[in-house]
Amino acid sequence: MNPSPDLVSSMLTEDSNHIDQLRQLLTREREALEKREHTSLADLIDAKNQHLAALGEHALQRQNWLRAANLPCDHQGWQRWLSQNPTLKAQMPAWETLAEQFRACREQNEVNGKIISRAQHTLGQLFNLLRGQDNSAPDLYNARGRTGSGGGSQTLVKA
């Protein structure tokens, strides 16, 4: 079954709107992470998941169309599918715009992931310091021939 040009156009427009919303949410997420406003993150994650679910549904529909046409389920497959259907060829620019929006969104998500990773690393180091574990000390062999941290344990806080 070949979908109508109106259906494909509507799907691409909806996906573009979802990606725009997702990019805005990722920007707000980055700002919250930078300011360490963790209370707003749960709502942002819920909103992101809603947009991702809608995008996922459309991606599955596109995959079904590509499989029916015996084309690979990727960007190039979709381009071929659009170009092979004369009534859908006009959707190529909208697809390219959508693909670029998605790449930009993925880059934003990667930046947020790096911020989260850095925060987790810093927090882990702080916990280790509080527990008296110094990860910067080199591993040395002990009397039993096993490796262990060279520095002694100097707990800063005891409960």
Protein backbone atom coordinates (compact mmCIF):
# COMPACT_ATOMS: atom_id res chain seq x y z
CA MET A 1 0.00 0.00 0.00
CA ASN A 2 1.30 3.38 -1.00
CA PRO A 3 0.20 6.13 1.37
CA SER A 4 -1.28 9.29 -0.01
CA PRO A 5 0.93 12.36 -0.42
CA ASP A 6 -1.29 14.12 2.13
CA LEU A 7 -0.66 11.39 4.71
CA VAL A 8 3.12 11.53 4.20
CA SER A 9 3.10 15.33 4.28
CA SER A 10 1.03 15.35 7.46
CA MET A 11 3.34 12.80 9.09
CA LEU A 12 6.46 14.78 8.23
CA THR A 13 4.87 18.00 9.51
CA GLU A 14 3.85 16.33 12.77
CA ASP A 15 7.34 14.86 13.17
CA SER A 16 8.89 18.26 12.56
CA ASN A 17 6.64 19.78 15.24
CA HIS A 18 7.55 17.01 17.69
CA ILE A 19 11.25 17.50 17.03
CA ASP A 20 10.92 21.26 17.51
CA GLN A 21 9.24 20.64 20.85
CA LEU A 22 11.90 18.07 21.75
CA ARG A 23 14.68 20.55 20.96
CA GLN A 24 13.05 23.15 23.18
CA LEU A 25 12.77 20.59 25.98
CA LEU A 26 16.43 19.62 25.53
CA THR A 27 17.42 23.27 25.80
CA ARG A 28 15.40 23.61 29.00
CA GLU A 29 16.94 20.38 30.26
CA ARG A 30 20.45 21.69 29.60
CA GLU A 31 19.64 24.90 31.45
CA ALA A 32 18.24 22.94 34.40
CA LEU A 33 21.32 20.70 34.47
CA GLU A 34 23.68 23.66 34.35
CA LYS A 35 21.81 25.39 37.18
CA ARG A 36 21.45 22.08 39.05
CA GLU A 37 17.67 22.52 39.19
CA HIS A 38 16.96 18.81 39.37
CA THR A 39 13.34 19.17 40.50
CA SER A 40 12.20 20.19 37.00
CA LEU A 41 13.98 17.30 35.27
CA ALA A 42 11.25 14.72 35.91
CA ASP A 43 8.62 16.81 34.11
CA LEU A 44 11.02 17.49 31.24
CA ILE A 45 11.77 13.79 30.89
CA ASP A 46 8.06 12.93 30.82
CA ALA A 47 7.43 15.54 28.12
CA LYS A 48 10.43 14.31 26.10
CA ASN A 49 9.13 10.73 26.31
CA GLN A 50 5.74 11.78 24.93
CA HIS A 51 7.33 13.39 21.88
CA LEU A 52 9.70 10.45 21.41
CA ALA A 53 6.76 8.03 21.53
CA ALA A 54 4.96 9.95 18.78
CA LEU A 55 8.13 10.05 16.68
CA GLY A 56 8.61 6.34 17.28
CA GLU A 57 5.12 5.51 16.02
CA HIS A 58 5.76 7.35 12.78
CA ALA A 59 9.19 5.73 12.42
CA LEU A 60 7.54 2.31 12.70
CA GLN A 61 5.01 3.26 10.04
CA ARG A 62 7.80 4.39 7.71
CA GLN A 63 9.66 1.13 8.35
CA ASN A 64 6.55 -0.85 7.39
CA TRP A 65 6.28 1.07 4.11
CA LEU A 66 9.98 0.52 3.40
CA ARG A 67 9.78 -3.20 4.17
CA ALA A 68 6.78 -3.54 1.85
CA ALA A 69 8.91 -1.94 -0.88
CA ASN A 70 11.92 -4.18 -0.04
CA LEU A 71 14.05 -1.15 0.84
CA PRO A 72 16.44 -0.72 3.76
CA CYS A 73 14.91 0.87 6.86
CA ASP A 74 17.24 3.84 7.01
CA HIS A 75 17.62 7.39 5.75
CA GLN A 76 18.77 6.30 2.31
CA GLY A 77 15.93 3.79 2.02
CA TRP A 78 13.40 6.50 2.77
CA GLN A 79 15.01 8.80 0.21
CA ARG A 80 14.83 6.06 -2.42
CA TRP A 81 11.23 5.29 -1.49
CA LEU A 82 10.20 8.93 -1.86
CA SER A 83 12.09 9.36 -5.13
CA GLN A 84 10.59 6.15 -6.61
CA ASN A 85 7.03 7.31 -5.95
CA PRO A 86 6.18 10.16 -8.34
CA THR A 87 3.33 11.38 -6.14
CA LEU A 88 5.63 11.51 -3.08
CA LYS A 89 8.77 12.96 -4.68
CA ALA A 90 7.70 16.46 -3.63
CA GLN A 91 8.18 15.40 0.02
CA MET A 92 11.98 15.08 -0.38
CA PRO A 93 12.77 18.61 0.90
CA ALA A 94 10.53 18.11 3.95
CA TRP A 95 12.30 14.80 4.68
CA GLU A 96 15.75 16.39 4.38
CA THR A 97 14.69 19.20 6.72
CA LEU A 98 13.35 16.66 9.19
CA ALA A 99 16.58 14.64 9.04
CA GLU A 100 18.62 17.78 9.74
CA GLN A 101 16.36 18.72 12.66
CA PHE A 102 16.82 15.24 14.06
CA ARG A 103 20.62 15.47 13.78
CA ALA A 104 20.60 18.78 15.64
CA CYS A 105 18.33 17.28 18.29
CA ARG A 106 20.66 14.30 18.69
CA GLU A 107 23.63 16.66 19.14
CA GLN A 108 21.76 18.56 21.85
CA ASN A 109 20.98 15.30 23.60
CA GLU A 110 24.64 14.28 23.47
CA VAL A 111 25.66 17.59 25.09
CA ASN A 112 23.13 17.00 27.86
CA GLY A 113 24.46 13.48 28.29
CA LYS A 114 27.99 14.84 28.70
CA ILE A 115 26.78 17.31 31.33
CA ILE A 116 25.07 14.48 33.22
CA SER A 117 28.15 12.26 32.94
CA ARG A 118 30.42 15.02 34.24
CA ALA A 119 28.06 15.70 37.14
CA GLN A 120 27.94 12.00 38.01
CA HIS A 121 31.73 11.79 37.93
CA THR A 122 32.10 14.84 40.16
CA LEU A 123 29.49 13.53 42.59
CA GLY A 124 31.23 10.16 42.69
CA GLN A 125 34.52 11.83 43.52
CA LEU A 126 32.88 13.81 46.31
CA PHE A 127 31.35 10.65 47.78
CA ASN A 128 34.71 8.90 47.62
CA LEU A 129 36.33 11.79 49.46
CA LEU A 130 33.65 11.67 52.14
CA ARG A 131 34.23 7.93 52.53
CA GLY A 132 37.98 8.43 52.73
CA GLN A 133 38.69 6.82 49.38
CA ASP A 134 41.21 8.68 47.29
CA ASN A 135 40.96 7.59 43.66
CA SER A 136 43.91 9.74 42.65
CA ALA A 137 46.38 7.56 44.55
CA PRO A 138 48.14 4.99 42.39
CA ASP A 139 47.46 1.28 42.84
CA LEU A 140 50.36 -0.41 44.66
CA TYR A 141 50.98 -3.99 45.71
CA ASN A 142 50.28 -4.82 49.35
CA ALA A 143 51.92 -7.45 51.57
CA ARG A 144 49.67 -10.14 50.06
CA GLY A 145 50.72 -9.30 46.50
CA ARG A 146 47.41 -7.75 45.56
CA THR A 147 46.88 -4.27 44.23
CA GLY A 148 45.26 -1.68 46.38
CA SER A 149 45.34 2.06 46.75
CA GLY A 150 48.67 3.34 47.89
CA GLY A 151 47.30 5.96 50.21
CA GLY A 152 45.81 5.18 53.56
CA SER A 153 42.16 5.57 54.19
CA GLN A 154 41.43 8.91 55.78
CA THR A 155 37.72 9.15 56.32
CA LEU A 156 36.49 12.72 56.54
CA VAL A 157 33.10 11.88 57.98
CA LYS A 158 31.84 8.97 60.06
CA ALA A 159 28.22 8.25 60.73
